Amino acid sequence: PQVLPVADEIEHVIPPYDLQALSIEVELFID
């Protein structure tokens, strides 16, 4: 599943490891 329960009426949507996330991480090398 992409959505998991946390508690009553609370859910967690698993976020995508998308191009923006992967790209901002490699910028740490330069910075």
PDB file of all heavy atoms in Angstrom:
ATOM      1  N   PRO A   1       0.833  -1.216   0.000  1.00  0.00           N
ATOM      2  CA  PRO A   1       0.000   0.000   0.000  1.00  0.00           C
ATOM      3  C   PRO A   1       0.860   1.257   0.000  1.00  0.00           C
ATOM      4  O   PRO A   1       2.017   1.245   0.449  1.00  0.00           O
ATOM      5  CB  PRO A   1      -0.789  -0.117   1.309  1.00  0.00           C
ATOM      6  CG  PRO A   1       0.089  -0.938   2.204  1.00  0.00           C
ATOM      7  CD  PRO A   1       0.802  -1.916   1.292  1.00  0.00           C
ATOM      8  N   GLN A   2       0.302   2.335  -0.479  1.00  0.00           N
ATOM      9  CA  GLN A   2       0.981   3.634  -0.461  1.00  0.00           C
ATOM     10  C   GLN A   2       0.491   4.517   0.680  1.00  0.00           C
ATOM     11  O   GLN A   2       1.073   5.560   0.945  1.00  0.00           O
ATOM     12  CB  GLN A   2       0.777   4.345  -1.796  1.00  0.00           C
ATOM     13  CG  GLN A   2       1.330   3.574  -2.988  1.00  0.00           C
ATOM     14  CD  GLN A   2       1.153   4.310  -4.296  1.00  0.00           C
ATOM     15  OE1 GLN A   2       0.908   5.511  -4.327  1.00  0.00           O
ATOM     16  NE2 GLN A   2       1.272   3.587  -5.395  1.00  0.00           N
ATOM     17  N   VAL A   3      -0.578   4.094   1.340  1.00  0.00           N
ATOM     18  CA  VAL A   3      -1.123   4.819   2.488  1.00  0.00           C
ATOM     19  C   VAL A   3      -1.249   3.831   3.640  1.00  0.00           C
ATOM     20  O   VAL A   3      -1.779   2.735   3.469  1.00  0.00           O
ATOM     21  CB  VAL A   3      -2.504   5.432   2.158  1.00  0.00           C
ATOM     22  CG1 VAL A   3      -3.049   6.172   3.369  1.00  0.00           C
ATOM     23  CG2 VAL A   3      -2.405   6.365   0.957  1.00  0.00           C
ATOM     24  N   LEU A   4      -0.738   4.226   4.806  1.00  0.00           N
ATOM     25  CA  LEU A   4      -0.732   3.339   5.965  1.00  0.00           C
ATOM     26  C   LEU A   4      -1.406   4.011   7.158  1.00  0.00           C
ATOM     27  O   LEU A   4      -1.285   5.234   7.339  1.00  0.00           O
ATOM     28  CB  LEU A   4       0.705   2.974   6.340  1.00  0.00           C
ATOM     29  CG  LEU A   4       1.472   2.106   5.333  1.00  0.00           C
ATOM     30  CD1 LEU A   4       2.949   2.071   5.681  1.00  0.00           C
ATOM     31  CD2 LEU A   4       0.899   0.699   5.303  1.00  0.00           C
ATOM     32  N   PRO A   5      -2.091   3.240   7.989  1.00  0.00           N
ATOM     33  CA  PRO A   5      -2.742   3.842   9.159  1.00  0.00           C
ATOM     34  C   PRO A   5      -1.725   4.188  10.252  1.00  0.00           C
ATOM     35  O   PRO A   5      -0.733   3.497  10.433  1.00  0.00           O
ATOM     36  CB  PRO A   5      -3.691   2.738   9.626  1.00  0.00           C
ATOM     37  CG  PRO A   5      -3.041   1.466   9.165  1.00  0.00           C
ATOM     38  CD  PRO A   5      -2.369   1.799   7.868  1.00  0.00           C
ATOM     39  N   VAL A   6      -2.009   5.267  10.956  1.00  0.00           N
ATOM     40  CA  VAL A   6      -1.200   5.688  12.101  1.00  0.00           C
ATOM     41  C   VAL A   6      -2.001   5.506  13.391  1.00  0.00           C
ATOM     42  O   VAL A   6      -1.551   4.887  14.345  1.00  0.00           O
ATOM     43  CB  VAL A   6      -0.761   7.157  11.957  1.00  0.00           C
ATOM     44  CG1 VAL A   6       0.024   7.618  13.191  1.00  0.00           C
ATOM     45  CG2 VAL A   6       0.066   7.355  10.688  1.00  0.00           C
ATOM     46  N   ALA A   7      -3.178   6.072  13.403  1.00  0.00           N
ATOM     47  CA  ALA A   7      -4.093   5.972  14.551  1.00  0.00           C
ATOM     48  C   ALA A   7      -5.498   6.205  14.004  1.00  0.00           C
ATOM     49  O   ALA A   7      -5.685   6.363  12.797  1.00  0.00           O
ATOM     50  CB  ALA A   7      -3.716   7.008  15.617  1.00  0.00           C
ATOM     51  N   ASP A   8      -6.488   6.205  14.892  1.00  0.00           N
ATOM     52  CA  ASP A   8      -7.856   6.440  14.448  1.00  0.00           C
ATOM     53  C   ASP A   8      -7.941   7.736  13.658  1.00  0.00           C
ATOM     54  O   ASP A   8      -7.554   8.817  14.144  1.00  0.00           O
ATOM     55  CB  ASP A   8      -8.801   6.511  15.651  1.00  0.00           C
ATOM     56  CG  ASP A   8      -8.965   5.159  16.331  1.00  0.00           C
ATOM     57  OD1 ASP A   8      -8.644   4.141  15.685  1.00  0.00           O
ATOM     58  OD2 ASP A   8      -9.406   5.132  17.495  1.00  0.00           O
ATOM     59  N   GLU A   9      -8.416   7.628  12.425  1.00  0.00           N
ATOM     60  CA  GLU A   9      -8.631   8.768  11.540  1.00  0.00           C
ATOM     61  C   GLU A   9      -7.339   9.504  11.191  1.00  0.00           C
ATOM     62  O   GLU A   9      -7.374  10.666  10.775  1.00  0.00           O
ATOM     63  CB  GLU A   9      -9.646   9.738  12.156  1.00  0.00           C
ATOM     64  CG  GLU A   9     -11.014   9.106  12.396  1.00  0.00           C
ATOM     65  CD  GLU A   9     -12.030  10.097  12.914  1.00  0.00           C
ATOM     66  OE1 GLU A   9     -11.667  11.281  13.103  1.00  0.00           O
ATOM     67  OE2 GLU A   9     -13.176   9.691  13.144  1.00  0.00           O
ATOM     68  N   ILE A  10      -6.195   8.848  11.362  1.00  0.00           N
ATOM     69  CA  ILE A  10      -4.914   9.437  10.964  1.00  0.00           C
ATOM     70  C   ILE A  10      -4.200   8.459  10.049  1.00  0.00           C
ATOM     71  O   ILE A  10      -4.019   7.289  10.407  1.00  0.00           O
ATOM     72  CB  ILE A  10      -4.013   9.753  12.182  1.00  0.00           C
ATOM     73  CG1 ILE A  10      -4.712  10.711  13.141  1.00  0.00           C
ATOM     74  CG2 ILE A  10      -2.680  10.340  11.722  1.00  0.00           C
ATOM     75  CD1 ILE A  10      -3.916  10.993  14.402  1.00  0.00           C
ATOM     76  N   GLU A  11      -3.809   8.933   8.876  1.00  0.00           N
ATOM     77  CA  GLU A  11      -3.102   8.095   7.922  1.00  0.00           C
ATOM     78  C   GLU A  11      -1.803   8.769   7.489  1.00  0.00           C
ATOM     79  O   GLU A  11      -1.655   9.992   7.576  1.00  0.00           O
ATOM     80  CB  GLU A  11      -3.971   7.829   6.688  1.00  0.00           C
ATOM     81  CG  GLU A  11      -5.186   6.964   6.956  1.00  0.00           C
ATOM     82  CD  GLU A  11      -5.988   6.692   5.693  1.00  0.00           C
ATOM     83  OE1 GLU A  11      -5.998   7.576   4.802  1.00  0.00           O
ATOM     84  OE2 GLU A  11      -6.591   5.612   5.603  1.00  0.00           O
ATOM     85  N   HIS A  12      -0.879   7.940   7.038  1.00  0.00           N
ATOM     86  CA  HIS A  12       0.391   8.443   6.518  1.00  0.00           C
ATOM     87  C   HIS A  12       0.496   8.063   5.052  1.00  0.00           C
ATOM     88  O   HIS A  12       0.418   6.884   4.695  1.00  0.00           O
ATOM     89  CB  HIS A  12       1.563   7.832   7.300  1.00  0.00           C
ATOM     90  CG  HIS A  12       2.904   8.137   6.693  1.00  0.00           C
ATOM     91  ND1 HIS A  12       3.424   9.414   6.618  1.00  0.00           N
ATOM     92  CD2 HIS A  12       3.839   7.320   6.105  1.00  0.00           C
ATOM     93  CE1 HIS A  12       4.611   9.373   6.046  1.00  0.00           C
ATOM     94  NE2 HIS A  12       4.886   8.111   5.716  1.00  0.00           N
ATOM     95  N   VAL A  13       0.666   9.063   4.215  1.00  0.00           N
ATOM     96  CA  VAL A  13       0.869   8.836   2.788  1.00  0.00           C
ATOM     97  C   VAL A  13       2.374   8.765   2.545  1.00  0.00           C
ATOM     98  O   VAL A  13       3.097   9.730   2.806  1.00  0.00           O
ATOM     99  CB  VAL A  13       0.245   9.963   1.942  1.00  0.00           C
ATOM    100  CG1 VAL A  13       0.503   9.715   0.453  1.00  0.00           C
ATOM    101  CG2 VAL A  13      -1.246  10.075   2.219  1.00  0.00           C
ATOM    102  N   ILE A  14       2.849   7.622   2.083  1.00  0.00           N
ATOM    103  CA  ILE A  14       4.285   7.458   1.843  1.00  0.00           C
ATOM    104  C   ILE A  14       4.672   8.345   0.669  1.00  0.00           C
ATOM    105  O   ILE A  14       4.124   8.214  -0.425  1.00  0.00           O
ATOM    106  CB  ILE A  14       4.634   5.993   1.551  1.00  0.00           C
ATOM    107  CG1 ILE A  14       4.138   5.088   2.685  1.00  0.00           C
ATOM    108  CG2 ILE A  14       6.139   5.830   1.369  1.00  0.00           C
ATOM    109  CD1 ILE A  14       4.330   3.605   2.416  1.00  0.00           C
ATOM    110  N   PRO A  15       5.622   9.261   0.868  1.00  0.00           N
ATOM    111  CA  PRO A  15       5.954  10.202  -0.214  1.00  0.00           C
ATOM    112  C   PRO A  15       6.828   9.556  -1.283  1.00  0.00           C
ATOM    113  O   PRO A  15       7.518   8.568  -1.019  1.00  0.00           O
ATOM    114  CB  PRO A  15       6.721  11.305   0.518  1.00  0.00           C
ATOM    115  CG  PRO A  15       7.366  10.601   1.668  1.00  0.00           C
ATOM    116  CD  PRO A  15       6.384   9.523   2.089  1.00  0.00           C
ATOM    117  N   PRO A  16       6.812  10.100  -2.488  1.00  0.00           N
ATOM    118  CA  PRO A  16       7.664   9.553  -3.546  1.00  0.00           C
ATOM    119  C   PRO A  16       9.102  10.031  -3.404  1.00  0.00           C
ATOM    120  O   PRO A  16       9.356  11.173  -3.017  1.00  0.00           O
ATOM    121  CB  PRO A  16       7.027  10.107  -4.822  1.00  0.00           C
ATOM    122  CG  PRO A  16       6.439  11.424  -4.388  1.00  0.00           C
ATOM    123  CD  PRO A  16       5.957  11.206  -2.976  1.00  0.00           C
ATOM    124  N   TYR A  17      10.040   9.150  -3.705  1.00  0.00           N
ATOM    125  CA  TYR A  17      11.453   9.546  -3.767  1.00  0.00           C
ATOM    126  C   TYR A  17      11.676  10.054  -5.192  1.00  0.00           C
ATOM    127  O   TYR A  17      12.216   9.357  -6.043  1.00  0.00           O
ATOM    128  CB  TYR A  17      12.331   8.337  -3.466  1.00  0.00           C
ATOM    129  CG  TYR A  17      13.677   8.669  -2.862  1.00  0.00           C
ATOM    130  CD1 TYR A  17      14.557   7.648  -2.507  1.00  0.00           C
ATOM    131  CD2 TYR A  17      14.082   9.975  -2.636  1.00  0.00           C
ATOM    132  CE1 TYR A  17      15.788   7.917  -1.941  1.00  0.00           C
ATOM    133  CE2 TYR A  17      15.311  10.257  -2.069  1.00  0.00           C
ATOM    134  CZ  TYR A  17      16.157   9.224  -1.720  1.00  0.00           C
ATOM    135  OH  TYR A  17      17.389   9.504  -1.164  1.00  0.00           O
ATOM    136  N   ASP A  18      11.258  11.277  -5.442  1.00  0.00           N
ATOM    137  CA  ASP A  18      11.179  11.804  -6.792  1.00  0.00           C
ATOM    138  C   ASP A  18      12.458  12.515  -7.198  1.00  0.00           C
ATOM    139  O   ASP A  18      13.433  12.585  -6.433  1.00  0.00           O
ATOM    140  CB  ASP A  18       9.966  12.722  -6.924  1.00  0.00           C
ATOM    141  CG  ASP A  18       9.948  13.838  -5.878  1.00  0.00           C
ATOM    142  OD1 ASP A  18      11.019  14.147  -5.308  1.00  0.00           O
ATOM    143  OD2 ASP A  18       8.863  14.399  -5.628  1.00  0.00           O
ATOM    144  N   LEU A  19      12.433  13.055  -8.406  1.00  0.00           N
ATOM    145  CA  LEU A  19      13.627  13.689  -8.959  1.00  0.00           C
ATOM    146  C   LEU A  19      14.053  14.894  -8.124  1.00  0.00           C
ATOM    147  O   LEU A  19      15.250  15.130  -7.923  1.00  0.00           O
ATOM    148  CB  LEU A  19      13.369  14.111 -10.406  1.00  0.00           C
ATOM    149  CG  LEU A  19      14.567  14.662 -11.185  1.00  0.00           C
ATOM    150  CD1 LEU A  19      15.687  13.630 -11.275  1.00  0.00           C
ATOM    151  CD2 LEU A  19      14.132  15.107 -12.587  1.00  0.00           C
ATOM    152  N   GLN A  20      13.087  15.644  -7.604  1.00  0.00           N
ATOM    153  CA  GLN A  20      13.422  16.799  -6.773  1.00  0.00           C
ATOM    154  C   GLN A  20      14.167  16.372  -5.510  1.00  0.00           C
ATOM    155  O   GLN A  20      15.153  16.998  -5.115  1.00  0.00           O
ATOM    156  CB  GLN A  20      12.157  17.561  -6.392  1.00  0.00           C
ATOM    157  CG  GLN A  20      11.586  18.418  -7.505  1.00  0.00           C
ATOM    158  CD  GLN A  20      10.428  19.270  -7.001  1.00  0.00           C
ATOM    159  OE1 GLN A  20       9.577  18.808  -6.229  1.00  0.00           O
ATOM    160  NE2 GLN A  20      10.380  20.510  -7.421  1.00  0.00           N
ATOM    161  N   ALA A  21      13.685  15.305  -4.859  1.00  0.00           N
ATOM    162  CA  ALA A  21      14.337  14.833  -3.633  1.00  0.00           C
ATOM    163  C   ALA A  21      15.745  14.324  -3.915  1.00  0.00           C
ATOM    164  O   ALA A  21      16.707  14.674  -3.208  1.00  0.00           O
ATOM    165  CB  ALA A  21      13.496  13.732  -2.997  1.00  0.00           C
ATOM    166  N   LEU A  22      15.883  13.503  -4.933  1.00  0.00           N
ATOM    167  CA  LEU A  22      17.196  12.941  -5.265  1.00  0.00           C
ATOM    168  C   LEU A  22      18.168  14.042  -5.678  1.00  0.00           C
ATOM    169  O   LEU A  22      19.370  13.976  -5.370  1.00  0.00           O
ATOM    170  CB  LEU A  22      17.052  11.917  -6.380  1.00  0.00           C
ATOM    171  CG  LEU A  22      16.308  10.630  -5.998  1.00  0.00           C
ATOM    172  CD1 LEU A  22      15.826   9.894  -7.247  1.00  0.00           C
ATOM    173  CD2 LEU A  22      17.198   9.721  -5.160  1.00  0.00           C
ATOM    174  N   SER A  23      17.676  15.067  -6.345  1.00  0.00           N
ATOM    175  CA  SER A  23      18.546  16.142  -6.828  1.00  0.00           C
ATOM    176  C   SER A  23      18.990  17.065  -5.709  1.00  0.00           C
ATOM    177  O   SER A  23      20.156  17.481  -5.659  1.00  0.00           O
ATOM    178  CB  SER A  23      17.818  16.944  -7.921  1.00  0.00           C
ATOM    179  OG  SER A  23      17.507  16.134  -9.035  1.00  0.00           O
ATOM    180  N   ILE A  24      18.061  17.421  -4.809  1.00  0.00           N
ATOM    181  CA  ILE A  24      18.449  18.328  -3.718  1.00  0.00           C
ATOM    182  C   ILE A  24      19.484  17.659  -2.821  1.00  0.00           C
ATOM    183  O   ILE A  24      20.348  18.324  -2.252  1.00  0.00           O
ATOM    184  CB  ILE A  24      17.211  18.770  -2.898  1.00  0.00           C
ATOM    185  CG1 ILE A  24      17.528  20.030  -2.077  1.00  0.00           C
ATOM    186  CG2 ILE A  24      16.718  17.668  -1.975  1.00  0.00           C
ATOM    187  CD1 ILE A  24      17.622  21.274  -2.899  1.00  0.00           C
ATOM    188  N   GLU A  25      19.427  16.333  -2.719  1.00  0.00           N
ATOM    189  CA  GLU A  25      20.397  15.624  -1.885  1.00  0.00           C
ATOM    190  C   GLU A  25      21.806  15.707  -2.458  1.00  0.00           C
ATOM    191  O   GLU A  25      22.771  15.910  -1.721  1.00  0.00           O
ATOM    192  CB  GLU A  25      19.970  14.167  -1.719  1.00  0.00           C
ATOM    193  CG  GLU A  25      18.747  13.979  -0.848  1.00  0.00           C
ATOM    194  CD  GLU A  25      18.340  12.526  -0.727  1.00  0.00           C
ATOM    195  OE1 GLU A  25      18.635  11.727  -1.631  1.00  0.00           O
ATOM    196  OE2 GLU A  25      17.730  12.185   0.298  1.00  0.00           O
ATOM    197  N   VAL A  26      21.951  15.539  -3.781  1.00  0.00           N
ATOM    198  CA  VAL A  26      23.310  15.562  -4.341  1.00  0.00           C
ATOM    199  C   VAL A  26      23.917  16.952  -4.273  1.00  0.00           C
ATOM    200  O   VAL A  26      25.148  17.102  -4.300  1.00  0.00           O
ATOM    201  CB  VAL A  26      23.353  15.027  -5.789  1.00  0.00           C
ATOM    202  CG1 VAL A  26      22.971  13.558  -5.827  1.00  0.00           C
ATOM    203  CG2 VAL A  26      22.478  15.847  -6.727  1.00  0.00           C
ATOM    204  N   GLU A  27      23.095  17.987  -4.163  1.00  0.00           N
ATOM    205  CA  GLU A  27      23.645  19.333  -4.036  1.00  0.00           C
ATOM    206  C   GLU A  27      24.424  19.512  -2.739  1.00  0.00           C
ATOM    207  O   GLU A  27      25.247  20.430  -2.618  1.00  0.00           O
ATOM    208  CB  GLU A  27      22.525  20.368  -4.134  1.00  0.00           C
ATOM    209  CG  GLU A  27      21.951  20.511  -5.536  1.00  0.00           C
ATOM    210  CD  GLU A  27      21.055  21.730  -5.674  1.00  0.00           C
ATOM    211  OE1 GLU A  27      21.579  22.862  -5.583  1.00  0.00           O
ATOM    212  OE2 GLU A  27      19.842  21.548  -5.858  1.00  0.00           O
ATOM    213  N   LEU A  28      24.181  18.645  -1.763  1.00  0.00           N
ATOM    214  CA  LEU A  28      24.970  18.706  -0.524  1.00  0.00           C
ATOM    215  C   LEU A  28      26.451  18.498  -0.805  1.00  0.00           C
ATOM    216  O   LEU A  28      27.310  19.006  -0.068  1.00  0.00           O
ATOM    217  CB  LEU A  28      24.474  17.651   0.464  1.00  0.00           C
ATOM    218  CG  LEU A  28      23.033  17.807   0.975  1.00  0.00           C
ATOM    219  CD1 LEU A  28      22.645  16.590   1.800  1.00  0.00           C
ATOM    220  CD2 LEU A  28      22.892  19.079   1.795  1.00  0.00           C
ATOM    221  N   PHE A  29      26.779  17.745  -1.843  1.00  0.00           N
ATOM    222  CA  PHE A  29      28.183  17.524  -2.213  1.00  0.00           C
ATOM    223  C   PHE A  29      28.853  18.850  -2.532  1.00  0.00           C
ATOM    224  O   PHE A  29      29.965  19.129  -2.060  1.00  0.00           O
ATOM    225  CB  PHE A  29      28.253  16.587  -3.422  1.00  0.00           C
ATOM    226  CG  PHE A  29      29.656  16.327  -3.921  1.00  0.00           C
ATOM    227  CD1 PHE A  29      30.397  15.271  -3.422  1.00  0.00           C
ATOM    228  CD2 PHE A  29      30.237  17.148  -4.888  1.00  0.00           C
ATOM    229  CE1 PHE A  29      31.692  15.037  -3.870  1.00  0.00           C
ATOM    230  CE2 PHE A  29      31.515  16.923  -5.349  1.00  0.00           C
ATOM    231  CZ  PHE A  29      32.250  15.859  -4.840  1.00  0.00           C
ATOM    232  N   ILE A  30      28.179  19.683  -3.328  1.00  0.00           N
ATOM    233  CA  ILE A  30      28.754  20.973  -3.709  1.00  0.00           C
ATOM    234  C   ILE A  30      28.787  21.918  -2.516  1.00  0.00           C
ATOM    235  O   ILE A  30      29.786  22.600  -2.263  1.00  0.00           O
ATOM    236  CB  ILE A  30      27.943  21.585  -4.872  1.00  0.00           C
ATOM    237  CG1 ILE A  30      28.167  20.773  -6.148  1.00  0.00           C
ATOM    238  CG2 ILE A  30      28.320  23.045  -5.085  1.00  0.00           C
ATOM    239  CD1 ILE A  30      27.350  21.242  -7.326  1.00  0.00           C
ATOM    240  N   ASP A  31      27.689  21.968  -1.773  1.00  0.00           N
ATOM    241  CA  ASP A  31      27.556  22.958  -0.702  1.00  0.00           C
ATOM    242  C   ASP A  31      28.427  22.663   0.508  1.00  0.00           C
ATOM    243  O   ASP A  31      28.834  23.601   1.223  1.00  0.00           O
ATOM    244  CB  ASP A  31      26.095  23.050  -0.265  1.00  0.00           C
ATOM    245  CG  ASP A  31      25.187  23.565  -1.371  1.00  0.00           C
ATOM    246  OD1 ASP A  31      25.695  24.264  -2.263  1.00  0.00           O
ATOM    247  OD2 ASP A  31      23.982  23.245  -1.354  1.00  0.00           O
TER     248      ASP A  31
END
